[in-house]
Amino acid sequence: MYHKKKRTDHECRFHGLIDNPYPFPNDDEELVRLDELQFIVRAVYGRTVLVPLNRASSTLIFDSGTGTGRWVIEAALQFPKSYVIGMDISPVQPTDVPENCEFRCGDVTDCLGDFDAGSFDFVHSR
């Protein structure tokens, strides 16, 4: 269930879900931190998706708790024949994204019923 207004503590903005234990804020400072974390991981490993997926085949990829959506966008660009879905409790992702990806706002602990069991080829969470 969503609050009508955003919850704030100590000048940080948080998601508006009641009963969700996610402790980190979703304000601008946190979004920058998440993007920097993705940049570091990509710089260290040299790529976004670390598992051996076949670039030539179509795969369905899910990112649980997608945050800023940077990982989803980079994965969609790395695997243009795949379709990548990112889900997060905060709708803070960009709207200008590659055609082979999308973002959904929802609580992954509550609303994965939209997907059939075993429908994803790869599930990412960090």
C-alpha atoms as a PDB file:
ATOM      1  CA  MET A   1       0.000   0.000   0.000  1.00  0.00           C
ATOM      2  CA  TYR A   2       1.352   3.431  -0.938  1.00  0.00           C
ATOM      3  CA  HIS A   3       1.325   6.563   1.202  1.00  0.00           C
ATOM      4  CA  LYS A   4      -0.121   9.650  -0.493  1.00  0.00           C
ATOM      5  CA  LYS A   5       2.954  11.687   0.443  1.00  0.00           C
ATOM      6  CA  LYS A   6       6.627  10.823   0.473  1.00  0.00           C
ATOM      7  CA  ARG A   7       8.102   9.855   3.831  1.00  0.00           C
ATOM      8  CA  THR A   8      11.066  11.967   4.938  1.00  0.00           C
ATOM      9  CA  ASP A   9      13.501  11.532   7.823  1.00  0.00           C
ATOM     10  CA  HIS A  10      16.389  13.898   8.550  1.00  0.00           C
ATOM     11  CA  GLU A  11      15.866  15.659   5.201  1.00  0.00           C
ATOM     12  CA  CYS A  12      16.172  12.386   3.211  1.00  0.00           C
ATOM     13  CA  ARG A  13      13.316  11.231   0.976  1.00  0.00           C
ATOM     14  CA  PHE A  14      12.128   7.607   1.185  1.00  0.00           C
ATOM     15  CA  HIS A  15       9.750   5.393  -0.789  1.00  0.00           C
ATOM     16  CA  GLY A  16       6.071   5.649   0.035  1.00  0.00           C
ATOM     17  CA  LEU A  17       5.287   2.001   0.775  1.00  0.00           C
ATOM     18  CA  ILE A  18       3.814   1.116   4.106  1.00  0.00           C
ATOM     19  CA  ASP A  19       5.259  -2.051   5.669  1.00  0.00           C
ATOM     20  CA  ASN A  20       8.272  -2.298   3.346  1.00  0.00           C
ATOM     21  CA  PRO A  21      11.514  -2.621   5.304  1.00  0.00           C
ATOM     22  CA  TYR A  22      13.828  -1.138   2.629  1.00  0.00           C
ATOM     23  CA  PRO A  23      15.905   1.233   4.785  1.00  0.00           C
ATOM     24  CA  PHE A  24      17.660   3.466   2.237  1.00  0.00           C
ATOM     25  CA  PRO A  25      16.384   6.777   0.871  1.00  0.00           C
ATOM     26  CA  ASN A  26      15.491   7.503  -2.770  1.00  0.00           C
ATOM     27  CA  ASP A  27      16.550  11.146  -2.812  1.00  0.00           C
ATOM     28  CA  ASP A  28      18.984  12.684  -5.301  1.00  0.00           C
ATOM     29  CA  GLU A  29      22.061  12.004  -3.169  1.00  0.00           C
ATOM     30  CA  GLU A  30      21.198   8.300  -2.935  1.00  0.00           C
ATOM     31  CA  LEU A  31      20.494   8.073  -6.673  1.00  0.00           C
ATOM     32  CA  VAL A  32      23.946   9.502  -7.417  1.00  0.00           C
ATOM     33  CA  ARG A  33      25.483   6.965  -5.009  1.00  0.00           C
ATOM     34  CA  LEU A  34      23.709   4.080  -6.765  1.00  0.00           C
ATOM     35  CA  ASP A  35      24.845   5.260 -10.213  1.00  0.00           C
ATOM     36  CA  GLU A  36      28.422   5.606  -8.939  1.00  0.00           C
ATOM     37  CA  LEU A  37      28.267   2.074  -7.527  1.00  0.00           C
ATOM     38  CA  GLN A  38      27.186   0.762 -10.948  1.00  0.00           C
ATOM     39  CA  PHE A  39      29.994   2.717 -12.616  1.00  0.00           C
ATOM     40  CA  ILE A  40      32.549   1.160 -10.229  1.00  0.00           C
ATOM     41  CA  VAL A  41      31.265  -2.387 -10.753  1.00  0.00           C
ATOM     42  CA  ARG A  42      31.335  -1.921 -14.548  1.00  0.00           C
ATOM     43  CA  ALA A  43      34.838  -0.415 -14.389  1.00  0.00           C
ATOM     44  CA  VAL A  44      36.170  -3.278 -12.257  1.00  0.00           C
ATOM     45  CA  TYR A  45      34.615  -6.107 -14.303  1.00  0.00           C
ATOM     46  CA  GLY A  46      34.587  -4.439 -17.724  1.00  0.00           C
ATOM     47  CA  ARG A  47      30.912  -5.140 -18.385  1.00  0.00           C
ATOM     48  CA  THR A  48      27.484  -4.876 -16.808  1.00  0.00           C
ATOM     49  CA  VAL A  49      26.174  -8.447 -17.050  1.00  0.00           C
ATOM     50  CA  LEU A  50      28.681 -10.821 -15.493  1.00  0.00           C
ATOM     51  CA  VAL A  51      27.005 -14.148 -16.314  1.00  0.00           C
ATOM     52  CA  PRO A  52      27.606 -15.851 -19.671  1.00  0.00           C
ATOM     53  CA  LEU A  53      24.457 -14.991 -21.645  1.00  0.00           C
ATOM     54  CA  ASN A  54      24.294 -15.637 -25.379  1.00  0.00           C
ATOM     55  CA  ARG A  55      24.184 -12.320 -27.262  1.00  0.00           C
ATOM     56  CA  ALA A  56      22.724 -14.029 -30.334  1.00  0.00           C
ATOM     57  CA  SER A  57      19.636 -15.399 -28.590  1.00  0.00           C
ATOM     58  CA  SER A  58      16.622 -13.668 -27.174  1.00  0.00           C
ATOM     59  CA  THR A  59      16.480 -13.779 -23.379  1.00  0.00           C
ATOM     60  CA  LEU A  60      14.189 -12.275 -20.773  1.00  0.00           C
ATOM     61  CA  ILE A  61      16.114 -10.582 -17.966  1.00  0.00           C
ATOM     62  CA  PHE A  62      14.695  -9.254 -14.683  1.00  0.00           C
ATOM     63  CA  ASP A  63      16.398  -6.794 -12.322  1.00  0.00           C
ATOM     64  CA  SER A  64      14.983  -6.929  -8.805  1.00  0.00           C
ATOM     65  CA  GLY A  65      15.221  -3.645  -6.908  1.00  0.00           C
ATOM     66  CA  THR A  66      16.478  -1.763  -9.946  1.00  0.00           C
ATOM     67  CA  GLY A  67      17.125   1.579  -8.223  1.00  0.00           C
ATOM     68  CA  THR A  68      18.056   4.194 -10.817  1.00  0.00           C
ATOM     69  CA  GLY A  69      17.710   1.702 -13.666  1.00  0.00           C
ATOM     70  CA  ARG A  70      21.284   2.187 -14.849  1.00  0.00           C
ATOM     71  CA  TRP A  71      21.964  -1.586 -14.763  1.00  0.00           C
ATOM     72  CA  VAL A  72      18.814  -2.322 -16.811  1.00  0.00           C
ATOM     73  CA  ILE A  73      19.706   0.217 -19.486  1.00  0.00           C
ATOM     74  CA  GLU A  74      23.296  -1.011 -19.730  1.00  0.00           C
ATOM     75  CA  ALA A  75      22.167  -4.666 -19.870  1.00  0.00           C
ATOM     76  CA  ALA A  76      19.675  -3.801 -22.629  1.00  0.00           C
ATOM     77  CA  LEU A  77      22.464  -2.154 -24.606  1.00  0.00           C
ATOM     78  CA  GLN A  78      24.874  -5.049 -23.944  1.00  0.00           C
ATOM     79  CA  PHE A  79      22.251  -7.606 -25.072  1.00  0.00           C
ATOM     80  CA  PRO A  80      20.135  -5.896 -27.763  1.00  0.00           C
ATOM     81  CA  LYS A  81      18.204  -9.098 -28.620  1.00  0.00           C
ATOM     82  CA  SER A  82      17.135  -9.528 -24.998  1.00  0.00           C
ATOM     83  CA  TYR A  83      14.305  -7.815 -23.138  1.00  0.00           C
ATOM     84  CA  VAL A  84      15.162  -6.405 -19.717  1.00  0.00           C
ATOM     85  CA  ILE A  85      12.610  -5.511 -17.028  1.00  0.00           C
ATOM     86  CA  GLY A  86      13.551  -3.578 -13.907  1.00  0.00           C
ATOM     87  CA  MET A  87      11.293  -3.326 -10.856  1.00  0.00           C
ATOM     88  CA  ASP A  88      11.650  -1.056  -7.852  1.00  0.00           C
ATOM     89  CA  ILE A  89       9.456   0.389  -5.115  1.00  0.00           C
ATOM     90  CA  SER A  90      10.440   3.916  -6.136  1.00  0.00           C
ATOM     91  CA  PRO A  91       9.614   5.247  -9.626  1.00  0.00           C
ATOM     92  CA  VAL A  92      12.908   7.111 -10.069  1.00  0.00           C
ATOM     93  CA  GLN A  93      14.068   5.548 -13.345  1.00  0.00           C
ATOM     94  CA  PRO A  94      14.432   7.537 -16.591  1.00  0.00           C
ATOM     95  CA  THR A  95      11.749   7.427 -19.279  1.00  0.00           C
ATOM     96  CA  ASP A  96      14.083   7.731 -22.267  1.00  0.00           C
ATOM     97  CA  VAL A  97      15.325   4.136 -22.472  1.00  0.00           C
ATOM     98  CA  PRO A  98      16.215   1.562 -25.140  1.00  0.00           C
ATOM     99  CA  GLU A  99      13.249  -0.192 -26.769  1.00  0.00           C
ATOM    100  CA  ASN A 100      14.249  -3.546 -25.302  1.00  0.00           C
ATOM    101  CA  CYS A 101      13.756  -2.547 -21.681  1.00  0.00           C
ATOM    102  CA  GLU A 102      11.064  -1.271 -19.344  1.00  0.00           C
ATOM    103  CA  PHE A 103      10.596  -0.284 -15.725  1.00  0.00           C
ATOM    104  CA  ARG A 104       7.804  -1.288 -13.385  1.00  0.00           C
ATOM    105  CA  CYS A 105       7.014   0.237 -10.037  1.00  0.00           C
ATOM    106  CA  GLY A 106       6.195  -2.356  -7.416  1.00  0.00           C
ATOM    107  CA  ASP A 107       7.336  -4.282  -4.381  1.00  0.00           C
ATOM    108  CA  VAL A 108       9.220  -7.379  -5.579  1.00  0.00           C
ATOM    109  CA  THR A 109       8.343  -9.116  -2.307  1.00  0.00           C
ATOM    110  CA  ASP A 110       4.660  -8.710  -3.116  1.00  0.00           C
ATOM    111  CA  CYS A 111       3.849  -8.437  -6.818  1.00  0.00           C
ATOM    112  CA  LEU A 112       5.768 -10.933  -8.925  1.00  0.00           C
ATOM    113  CA  GLY A 113       2.486 -12.687  -9.675  1.00  0.00           C
ATOM    114  CA  ASP A 114       2.421 -10.838 -13.013  1.00  0.00           C
ATOM    115  CA  PHE A 115       5.091 -13.244 -14.242  1.00  0.00           C
ATOM    116  CA  ASP A 116       4.830 -16.988 -14.759  1.00  0.00           C
ATOM    117  CA  ALA A 117       7.197 -19.188 -12.768  1.00  0.00           C
ATOM    118  CA  GLY A 118      10.371 -19.790 -14.736  1.00  0.00           C
ATOM    119  CA  SER A 119       9.647 -17.044 -17.263  1.00  0.00           C
ATOM    120  CA  PHE A 120      13.005 -15.290 -16.826  1.00  0.00           C
ATOM    121  CA  ASP A 121      16.278 -16.535 -18.247  1.00  0.00           C
ATOM    122  CA  PHE A 122      18.283 -14.450 -15.790  1.00  0.00           C
ATOM    123  CA  VAL A 123      17.391 -12.563 -12.593  1.00  0.00           C
ATOM    124  CA  HIS A 124      19.752  -9.891 -11.285  1.00  0.00           C
ATOM    125  CA  SER A 125      19.797  -8.368  -7.818  1.00  0.00           C
ATOM    126  CA  ARG A 126      22.481  -6.409  -6.066  1.00  0.00           C
END
